[in-house]
Protein backbone atom coordinates (compact mmCIF):
# COMPACT_ATOMS: atom_id res chain seq x y z
CA MET A 1 103.64 59.74 47.62
CA ASP A 2 100.42 61.41 46.63
CA GLU A 3 99.19 63.45 49.42
CA ASN A 4 95.61 62.72 48.57
CA LYS A 5 96.18 59.09 49.27
CA LEU A 6 95.64 57.82 52.70
CA ASN A 7 98.94 57.04 54.28
CA LEU A 8 98.51 54.04 56.35
CA ASN A 9 101.88 53.82 58.07
CA THR A 10 101.87 50.92 60.32
CA ASP A 11 104.17 52.85 62.74
CA GLU A 12 101.59 55.56 63.25
CA VAL A 13 98.76 54.67 65.54
CA LEU A 14 95.61 56.70 65.08
CA SER A 15 92.49 56.75 66.98
CA ALA A 16 89.11 55.81 65.38
CA GLU A 17 87.99 59.42 65.31
CA GLU A 18 91.09 60.50 63.50
CA LEU A 19 90.73 57.78 60.92
CA THR A 20 87.14 58.81 60.20
CA ALA A 21 88.08 62.46 59.79
CA ARG A 22 90.80 61.65 57.33
CA ARG A 23 88.52 59.41 55.27
CA ASN A 24 85.85 62.11 54.93
CA GLU A 25 88.49 64.58 53.86
CA LYS A 26 89.76 62.32 51.14
CA VAL A 27 86.23 61.65 49.82
CA GLN A 28 85.57 65.37 49.69
CA ASN A 29 88.72 66.02 47.79
CA PHE A 30 87.84 63.20 45.35
CA LYS A 31 84.51 64.80 44.55
CA VAL A 32 86.03 68.12 43.88
CA ASP A 33 88.87 66.87 41.69
CA PHE A 34 86.58 64.69 39.50
CA SER A 35 85.46 66.47 36.26
CA LEU A 36 84.06 65.74 32.80
CA ASP A 37 87.52 66.01 31.40
CA ASP A 38 88.30 62.75 33.02
CA ILE A 39 85.66 60.91 30.86
CA PRO A 40 87.16 59.44 27.67
CA ASP A 41 85.75 60.36 24.26
CA VAL A 42 82.97 58.08 22.93
CA ASP A 43 82.06 57.41 19.26
CA THR A 44 78.44 58.54 19.11
CA SER A 45 77.80 56.94 15.69
CA VAL A 46 78.42 53.53 17.15
CA VAL A 47 76.02 54.19 19.93
CA GLN A 48 73.31 55.29 17.47
CA GLU A 49 73.74 52.18 15.32
CA ASN A 50 73.44 49.82 18.25
CA SER A 51 70.63 51.63 19.92
CA ALA A 52 66.91 50.96 19.12
CA PRO A 53 65.09 53.93 17.59
CA VAL A 54 62.73 55.64 19.92
CA PRO A 55 59.19 55.50 18.48
CA GLU A 56 57.41 58.70 17.87
CA GLU A 57 54.19 59.31 19.69
CA PRO A 58 51.20 58.72 17.25
CA SER A 59 48.75 61.48 16.52
CA ALA A 60 45.12 61.32 17.71
CA ASN A 61 43.74 60.32 14.27
CA GLU A 62 46.36 57.66 13.79
CA ALA A 63 45.57 56.24 17.22
CA GLN A 64 41.87 56.16 16.40
CA GLU A 65 42.50 54.41 13.08
CA GLU A 66 44.70 51.87 14.80
CA GLU A 67 41.98 51.20 17.37
CA VAL A 68 39.33 50.72 14.64
CA GLN A 69 41.65 48.39 12.75
CA HIS A 70 42.27 46.44 15.92
CA GLN A 71 38.57 46.12 16.63
CA HIS A 72 37.90 45.02 13.03
CA THR A 73 40.60 42.37 13.32
CA VAL A 74 39.14 41.11 16.61
CA THR A 75 35.58 41.03 15.15
CA LYS A 76 36.77 39.18 12.05
CA LYS A 77 38.50 36.58 14.17
CA LYS A 78 35.35 36.11 16.25
CA LYS A 79 33.16 35.70 13.13
CA LYS A 80 35.59 33.24 11.64
CA SER A 81 35.58 31.28 14.85
CA ALA A 82 31.74 31.31 15.02
CA ALA A 83 31.43 30.26 11.35
CA GLY A 84 33.81 27.40 11.90
CA CYS A 85 31.84 26.28 14.93
CA LEU A 86 28.53 26.48 12.98
CA LYS A 87 30.01 24.45 10.13
CA ARG A 88 31.10 21.75 12.54
CA ILE A 89 27.59 21.66 14.08
CA LEU A 90 25.88 21.50 10.67
CA TYR A 91 28.24 18.78 9.51
CA GLY A 92 27.47 16.79 12.63
CA LEU A 93 23.74 17.22 12.09
CA PHE A 94 24.12 16.20 8.44
CA ILE A 95 25.91 13.02 9.45
CA LEU A 96 23.17 12.25 11.98
CA VAL A 97 20.36 12.86 9.45
CA VAL A 98 22.02 10.76 6.75
CA SER A 99 22.67 7.98 9.23
CA GLY A 100 19.05 8.11 10.39
CA VAL A 101 17.70 8.05 6.85
CA LEU A 102 19.90 5.12 5.90
CA ALA A 103 18.92 3.23 9.03
CA ALA A 104 15.22 3.88 8.41
CA PHE A 105 15.59 2.80 4.77
CA MET A 106 17.31 -0.42 5.76
CA ILE A 107 14.60 -1.22 8.30
CA PHE A 108 11.85 -0.44 5.79
CA PHE A 109 13.66 -2.42 3.09
CA LEU A 110 13.96 -5.49 5.30
CA LEU A 111 10.33 -5.34 6.46
CA ASP A 112 9.05 -5.04 2.90
CA SER A 113 11.42 -7.54 1.32
CA LEU A 114 10.66 -10.17 3.95
CA ALA A 115 6.90 -9.42 3.87
CA ILE A 116 6.68 -9.18 7.64
CA ASN A 117 3.09 -8.85 8.93
CA ARG A 118 1.69 -8.82 5.38
CA ASP A 119 -1.74 -9.95 4.18
CA GLN A 120 -2.25 -13.45 2.77
CA LYS A 121 -4.94 -12.53 0.24
CA VAL A 122 -4.73 -13.85 -3.32
CA VAL A 123 -3.98 -11.26 -5.99
CA ASP A 124 -3.91 -11.79 -9.75
CA PHE A 125 -0.91 -10.29 -11.49
CA GLU A 126 -0.61 -10.18 -15.25
CA ILE A 127 2.29 -9.27 -17.48
CA PRO A 128 0.67 -8.79 -20.89
CA SER A 129 2.28 -9.93 -24.11
CA GLY A 130 3.29 -7.39 -26.71
CA GLU A 131 4.35 -4.85 -24.10
CA ASN A 132 7.87 -4.18 -22.90
CA TRP A 133 7.54 -4.45 -19.14
CA GLY A 134 10.83 -3.83 -17.37
CA THR A 135 11.61 -3.93 -13.67
CA GLU A 136 10.39 -0.37 -13.15
CA ARG A 137 6.93 -1.18 -14.57
CA ILE A 138 6.80 -4.51 -12.71
CA ALA A 139 7.63 -2.80 -9.41
CA SER A 140 5.07 -0.06 -10.00
CA GLU A 141 2.31 -2.60 -10.73
CA LEU A 142 3.24 -4.72 -7.71
CA GLU A 143 2.95 -1.65 -5.48
CA ALA A 144 -0.36 -0.59 -7.09
CA LYS A 145 -1.85 -4.01 -6.36
CA GLY A 146 -0.68 -3.95 -2.74
CA LEU A 147 1.78 -6.81 -3.20
CA ILE A 148 4.70 -4.67 -2.01
CA ASP A 149 4.92 -1.40 -0.12
CA ASN A 150 7.63 0.34 -2.09
CA ALA A 151 8.52 0.01 -5.76
CA PHE A 152 11.96 1.60 -5.32
CA CYS A 153 12.99 -0.99 -2.72
CA PHE A 154 11.91 -3.79 -5.06
CA ARG A 155 13.95 -2.25 -7.88
CA VAL A 156 17.00 -2.07 -5.61
CA TYR A 157 16.51 -5.73 -4.67
CA SER A 158 16.16 -6.76 -8.33
CA LYS A 159 19.32 -4.87 -9.18
CA LEU A 160 21.32 -6.42 -6.34
CA THR A 161 20.09 -9.94 -7.16
CA LYS A 162 20.58 -9.42 -10.92
CA ALA A 163 16.92 -10.23 -11.62
CA ASP A 164 16.36 -7.38 -14.10
CA GLY A 165 15.08 -8.27 -17.56
CA LYS A 166 13.99 -11.85 -16.87
CA TRP A 167 10.22 -11.43 -16.39
CA GLN A 168 7.75 -13.83 -18.00
CA VAL A 169 4.62 -12.92 -19.92
CA GLY A 170 1.39 -14.31 -18.47
CA ALA A 171 -0.82 -14.33 -15.38
CA PHE A 172 0.33 -15.36 -11.93
CA THR A 173 -1.31 -15.86 -8.56
CA LEU A 174 0.57 -13.80 -6.00
CA SER A 175 0.14 -12.78 -2.37
CA PRO A 176 1.50 -9.83 -0.32
CA ASP A 177 3.08 -12.24 2.19
CA MET A 178 5.41 -13.80 -0.39
CA GLY A 179 8.29 -11.37 0.01
CA TYR A 180 10.61 -10.16 -2.72
CA SER A 181 12.45 -13.43 -3.28
CA VAL A 182 9.28 -15.50 -3.82
CA LEU A 183 7.71 -12.81 -5.99
CA VAL A 184 10.78 -12.72 -8.21
CA GLU A 185 10.97 -16.51 -8.40
CA THR A 186 7.27 -16.80 -9.27
CA LEU A 187 7.38 -14.14 -11.99
CA GLN A 188 10.56 -15.54 -13.52
CA THR A 189 10.37 -19.32 -13.18
CA MET A 190 6.79 -20.44 -12.50
CA THR A 191 4.55 -21.52 -15.39
CA PRO A 192 1.90 -18.85 -16.13
CA ARG A 193 -1.73 -19.84 -15.77
CA GLU A 194 -3.76 -21.07 -18.74
CA THR A 195 -6.49 -18.97 -20.31
CA VAL A 196 -10.10 -19.78 -21.12
CA THR A 197 -12.62 -18.01 -23.34
CA VAL A 198 -16.02 -17.33 -21.79
CA THR A 199 -19.08 -15.71 -23.37
CA ILE A 200 -21.60 -14.00 -21.06
CA PRO A 201 -25.01 -13.84 -22.76
CA GLU A 202 -27.07 -10.64 -22.68
CA GLY A 203 -29.54 -10.59 -19.83
CA TYR A 204 -27.58 -12.87 -17.48
CA THR A 205 -27.94 -12.02 -13.80
CA VAL A 206 -25.14 -11.78 -11.24
CA GLU A 207 -25.90 -15.29 -10.03
CA GLU A 208 -25.90 -16.75 -13.54
CA ILE A 209 -22.56 -15.10 -14.32
CA ALA A 210 -21.07 -16.37 -11.04
CA LYS A 211 -22.08 -19.92 -11.91
CA LEU A 212 -20.72 -19.55 -15.45
CA MET A 213 -17.33 -18.42 -14.15
CA GLU A 214 -17.01 -21.33 -11.76
CA GLU A 215 -18.02 -23.84 -14.44
CA ASN A 216 -15.23 -22.55 -16.69
CA GLY A 217 -12.60 -22.56 -13.96
CA VAL A 218 -12.22 -18.79 -14.01
CA CYS A 219 -13.04 -18.25 -10.32
CA ASP A 220 -15.23 -19.81 -7.65
CA THR A 221 -18.65 -18.36 -6.83
CA GLU A 222 -17.67 -17.30 -3.31
CA SER A 223 -14.85 -15.14 -4.61
CA PHE A 224 -17.16 -13.72 -7.27
CA TYR A 225 -19.91 -12.79 -4.80
CA ASN A 226 -17.43 -11.21 -2.40
CA ALA A 227 -16.12 -9.05 -5.24
CA VAL A 228 -19.64 -8.00 -6.24
CA ILE A 229 -20.73 -7.14 -2.71
CA TYR A 230 -17.56 -5.81 -1.07
CA GLY A 231 -15.23 -4.88 -3.90
CA GLN A 232 -14.26 -1.24 -4.34
CA TYR A 233 -14.15 0.08 -7.91
CA ASP A 234 -13.29 3.58 -9.00
CA TYR A 235 -15.91 4.38 -11.64
CA ASP A 236 -18.27 7.34 -11.70
CA PHE A 237 -21.29 5.22 -12.61
CA ILE A 238 -20.77 3.13 -9.48
CA ARG A 239 -20.28 6.14 -7.25
CA ASP A 240 -23.56 7.55 -8.58
CA ILE A 241 -25.65 4.51 -7.67
CA PRO A 242 -28.15 5.98 -5.19
CA THR A 243 -28.20 5.03 -1.53
CA THR A 244 -30.84 5.56 1.12
CA ALA A 245 -30.91 8.74 3.20
CA ASP A 246 -28.95 7.04 5.98
CA GLY A 247 -26.41 5.58 3.55
CA ALA A 248 -27.72 2.01 3.77
CA GLN A 249 -26.87 -0.69 1.22
CA TYR A 250 -27.80 0.95 -2.07
CA ALA A 251 -31.42 1.71 -1.35
CA GLY A 252 -32.58 -1.91 -1.06
CA ARG A 253 -30.78 -3.30 -4.11
CA ILE A 254 -30.03 -6.98 -3.94
CA TYR A 255 -26.78 -6.65 -5.91
CA ARG A 256 -25.43 -3.14 -6.34
CA LEU A 257 -23.51 -4.09 -9.53
CA GLU A 258 -26.41 -5.84 -11.24
CA GLY A 259 -26.72 -4.25 -14.66
CA TYR A 260 -23.05 -3.20 -14.93
CA LEU A 261 -21.39 -6.58 -15.61
CA PHE A 262 -21.25 -6.14 -19.33
CA PRO A 263 -22.15 -9.26 -21.36
CA ASP A 264 -19.48 -10.04 -23.94
CA THR A 265 -16.87 -12.63 -24.91
CA TYR A 266 -13.81 -12.55 -22.66
CA GLU A 267 -10.54 -14.39 -22.31
CA PHE A 268 -9.82 -15.00 -18.64
CA TYR A 269 -6.89 -16.59 -16.86
CA MET A 270 -8.02 -19.68 -15.03
CA GLY A 271 -7.92 -19.49 -11.25
CA SER A 272 -8.45 -15.73 -11.18
CA SER A 273 -9.79 -13.81 -8.21
CA GLY A 274 -13.34 -12.50 -8.16
CA GLU A 275 -12.10 -8.91 -8.11
CA THR A 276 -10.07 -9.50 -11.27
CA VAL A 277 -13.10 -10.87 -13.09
CA ILE A 278 -15.45 -8.10 -11.92
CA GLY A 279 -12.79 -5.54 -12.79
CA ARG A 280 -12.65 -6.83 -16.38
CA LEU A 281 -16.44 -6.68 -16.76
CA LEU A 282 -16.68 -3.16 -15.34
CA GLU A 283 -13.79 -1.97 -17.48
CA ASN A 284 -15.59 -3.23 -20.58
CA PHE A 285 -18.81 -1.52 -19.48
CA ASP A 286 -16.93 1.75 -19.07
CA ILE A 287 -15.54 1.41 -22.59
CA LYS A 288 -18.96 0.68 -24.09
CA LEU A 289 -20.48 3.63 -22.23
CA THR A 290 -19.18 6.12 -24.79
CA SER A 291 -19.41 9.89 -24.51
CA GLU A 292 -22.21 9.79 -27.11
CA ILE A 293 -24.28 7.39 -25.00
CA ARG A 294 -23.58 9.44 -21.87
CA SER A 295 -24.77 12.55 -23.73
CA GLN A 296 -27.98 10.81 -24.82
CA ILE A 297 -28.67 9.72 -21.25
CA ALA A 298 -28.16 13.27 -19.99
CA ASP A 299 -30.41 14.69 -22.73
CA ARG A 300 -33.27 12.50 -21.49
CA GLY A 301 -32.74 13.73 -17.96
CA TRP A 302 -31.83 10.27 -16.71
CA THR A 303 -29.00 9.09 -14.57
CA ILE A 304 -26.81 6.28 -15.88
CA ASP A 305 -28.39 4.00 -13.28
CA GLU A 306 -31.91 4.78 -14.52
CA ALA A 307 -30.85 4.10 -18.11
CA ILE A 308 -29.35 0.74 -17.08
CA ILE A 309 -32.50 -0.24 -15.14
CA ILE A 310 -34.71 0.53 -18.16
CA ALA A 311 -32.35 -1.36 -20.45
CA SER A 312 -32.51 -4.38 -18.13
CA LEU A 313 -36.33 -4.30 -18.25
CA ILE A 314 -36.23 -4.23 -22.04
CA GLU A 315 -33.70 -7.09 -22.04
CA GLY A 316 -35.91 -9.09 -19.68
CA GLU A 317 -39.19 -8.51 -21.54
CA ALA A 318 -38.43 -8.45 -25.27
CA ALA A 319 -38.32 -11.87 -26.89
CA SER A 320 -36.20 -10.59 -29.79
CA LYS A 321 -33.88 -7.73 -30.53
CA GLU A 322 -36.30 -6.48 -33.19
CA ASP A 323 -38.96 -5.81 -30.55
CA MET A 324 -36.70 -3.96 -28.11
CA GLU A 325 -37.45 -0.49 -29.44
CA LYS A 326 -41.22 -1.16 -29.27
CA VAL A 327 -40.98 -2.45 -25.68
CA SER A 328 -38.97 0.66 -24.88
CA LYS A 329 -41.75 2.83 -26.30
CA VAL A 330 -44.43 1.12 -24.16
CA LEU A 331 -42.38 1.54 -20.99
CA GLN A 332 -41.77 5.20 -21.66
CA ASN A 333 -45.40 5.77 -22.55
CA ARG A 334 -46.30 4.45 -19.12
CA MET A 335 -43.69 6.58 -17.40
CA GLU A 336 -45.21 9.78 -18.74
CA PRO A 337 -46.77 11.77 -15.86
CA ASP A 338 -50.28 11.83 -17.37
CA SER A 339 -50.29 8.30 -18.79
CA GLY A 340 -52.77 6.93 -16.27
CA TYR A 341 -50.52 3.87 -15.74
CA PRO A 342 -48.13 4.75 -12.91
CA LYS A 343 -47.17 1.09 -12.42
CA LEU A 344 -45.19 -0.75 -15.07
CA GLU A 345 -46.62 -4.16 -14.06
CA LEU A 346 -43.81 -6.32 -15.47
CA CYS A 347 -43.58 -10.00 -14.66
CA SER A 348 -39.80 -9.90 -15.13
CA THR A 349 -39.30 -7.73 -12.02
CA ARG A 350 -41.35 -10.04 -9.83
CA ASP A 351 -39.65 -13.13 -11.23
CA TYR A 352 -36.22 -11.65 -10.58
CA VAL A 353 -36.87 -11.57 -6.84
CA LYS A 354 -38.29 -15.10 -6.92
CA ALA A 355 -35.18 -16.41 -8.66
CA ILE A 356 -32.76 -14.78 -6.24
CA LEU A 357 -34.79 -15.12 -3.04
CA PRO A 358 -36.50 -18.52 -3.22
CA SER A 359 -39.39 -19.36 -0.91
CA VAL A 360 -38.53 -20.27 2.66
CA GLY A 361 -40.64 -22.99 4.24
CA GLY A 362 -43.19 -22.64 1.47
CA ILE A 363 -43.53 -18.90 2.05
CA GLU A 364 -42.75 -16.75 -0.99
CA VAL A 365 -40.31 -13.92 -0.44
CA THR A 366 -41.39 -10.67 -2.04
CA SER A 367 -39.74 -7.29 -2.41
CA ILE A 368 -41.67 -4.11 -3.02
CA ALA A 369 -38.35 -2.56 -4.05
CA TYR A 370 -38.50 -4.62 -7.26
CA ASN A 371 -42.15 -5.63 -7.71
CA THR A 372 -43.54 -3.22 -10.32
CA TYR A 373 -47.06 -4.57 -9.71
CA GLU A 374 -46.87 -2.97 -6.29
CA ARG A 375 -44.58 0.04 -6.70
CA GLU A 376 -44.82 2.94 -9.10
CA GLY A 377 -42.11 3.72 -11.59
CA LEU A 378 -38.86 1.82 -11.97
CA PRO A 379 -37.66 -0.95 -9.67
CA VAL A 380 -34.86 -0.06 -7.29
CA GLY A 381 -32.23 -1.73 -9.44
CA ALA A 382 -31.54 -3.57 -12.68
CA ILE A 383 -32.90 -7.10 -12.98
CA ASN A 384 -30.12 -8.41 -15.25
CA ASN A 385 -27.07 -7.24 -17.14
CA PRO A 386 -28.31 -5.81 -20.45
CA GLY A 387 -26.38 -5.76 -23.68
CA LEU A 388 -25.55 -2.74 -25.79
CA GLN A 389 -28.59 -3.18 -28.03
CA ALA A 390 -31.01 -3.04 -25.10
CA LEU A 391 -29.32 0.13 -23.85
CA THR A 392 -29.52 1.66 -27.33
CA ALA A 393 -33.23 0.76 -27.51
CA ALA A 394 -33.83 2.43 -24.14
CA LEU A 395 -32.38 5.65 -25.53
CA ASN A 396 -34.08 5.30 -28.93
CA PRO A 397 -37.66 4.01 -28.50
CA SER A 398 -39.80 3.21 -31.52
CA THR A 399 -41.17 6.17 -33.44
CA ALA A 400 -43.77 4.10 -35.33
CA GLU A 401 -47.16 5.78 -35.41
CA ASP A 402 -49.06 2.67 -34.25
CA MET A 403 -46.87 2.56 -31.11
CA GLU A 404 -47.67 6.12 -30.05
CA LYS A 405 -50.52 5.16 -27.71
CA CYS A 406 -49.51 1.62 -26.79
CA TYR A 407 -49.43 0.86 -23.07
CA PHE A 408 -49.45 -2.96 -23.09
CA PHE A 409 -47.47 -5.80 -24.56
CA ALA A 410 -47.44 -9.58 -24.13
CA THR A 411 -44.70 -11.93 -25.27
CA ASP A 412 -45.22 -15.50 -26.38
CA TYR A 413 -41.88 -17.06 -25.43
CA ASN A 414 -42.75 -20.24 -27.31
CA THR A 415 -42.82 -18.42 -30.62
CA GLY A 416 -40.73 -15.38 -29.74
CA ILE A 417 -43.48 -13.00 -30.84
CA THR A 418 -44.42 -9.90 -28.82
CA TYR A 419 -47.93 -8.43 -29.21
CA PHE A 420 -48.64 -4.76 -28.53
CA SER A 421 -51.97 -3.13 -27.69
CA GLN A 422 -53.36 0.21 -26.64
CA THR A 423 -56.00 -0.87 -24.12
CA PHE A 424 -56.22 -3.44 -21.36
CA ALA A 425 -59.16 -5.13 -23.11
CA GLN A 426 -57.07 -5.69 -26.21
CA HIS A 427 -54.21 -6.92 -24.08
CA GLU A 428 -56.35 -9.42 -22.17
CA LYS A 429 -57.84 -10.77 -25.40
CA ILE A 430 -54.36 -11.42 -26.80
CA CYS A 431 -53.25 -13.18 -23.63
CA ARG A 432 -56.27 -15.45 -23.69
CA LYS A 433 -55.85 -16.23 -27.36
CA TYR A 434 -52.17 -17.13 -27.17
CA LYS A 435 -52.27 -18.48 -23.60
CA ILE A 436 -49.78 -15.94 -22.27
CA GLY A 437 -49.17 -15.19 -18.62
CA MET A 438 -51.95 -16.17 -16.25
CA TYR A 439 -53.86 -17.68 -19.13
CA GLY A 440 -51.13 -20.06 -20.13
């Protein structure tokens, strides 16, 4: 038996101290006898293959580069995250804006198409023959006349309802409170109004023209007067009509448009509004007032209004077109600063006021603004609506030698002859002889 092994003979009884001493001895001997030779050989190649390589410690530069790269990667990720967040916000805002615009459009479309809270005024609408008016032009004209608020909405409605390309030629009576459906039905199915030809004579006044229009079924006098007094028209000659210092009603004129309603032959649609009729007359006046005539007026140092007033006096005084240039010469002789006749003294200006403002309770109404027996120079406004020949005569007075010093004329309306004289004595003699004026 190995002596190094603890012999635990059951026949031998040992005390606890002896057992401890023997154990310590054996442990000591075990430590001494144990050596490296007792360790078996190990294949180091296998150990190397199965073992993880030990990383080398990086240099200072490499560590710095790795830190920069790490920071760059972190920054890039943050930017990408922020950009993605911004895109989501912008997309959300875009959706909100588009939704808001569509909602607003739908509300506006419904309000306009149903004509909610719209005016009930009567508006003339004409689709002229010989012109290719499509839905786009129709919508634009409806908007321009205040019949709808938005041409694009009307075009959308026409497209959705398949109303494109079915418009009738002619004139129609429309109103802003009709709504899209009624407007479309009227312009596509209703019978257009009939037309009537009306001739306005030269020298007719506003009141005479109003009566003529009503008699021919063009428009009633109330509508005509409202258009004359309150209508707004975008022409330079109207804007230049003088007003008083405080902006009062055209410096005392009875009718501000008197003189500008050009006499001519017109074709009107029956049942038109007063504004439509006045618009046609003013448009014609603007056409007749050529650049050449405007230049002549400017060369004389007149305003257009002064030229029209003088033309109306010639129209009201001359019995024939042949005498217009001579009457023009007398008037301009008197208007010269040193003529000695500061007052024109024309019966036509006084009679104009009498015709428009009849006597009240037997008392005659007078107006110094028009009465050239009382005021110097021209009356405050035209006394009729002169024709083109009277306007031409105003700009081209007679150059005859015997008219050079004439300051008086008297017209015999029974014969249509106008007599001209240089002195008051000659004038009075003619009036007595032919029973003209106060001698008639």
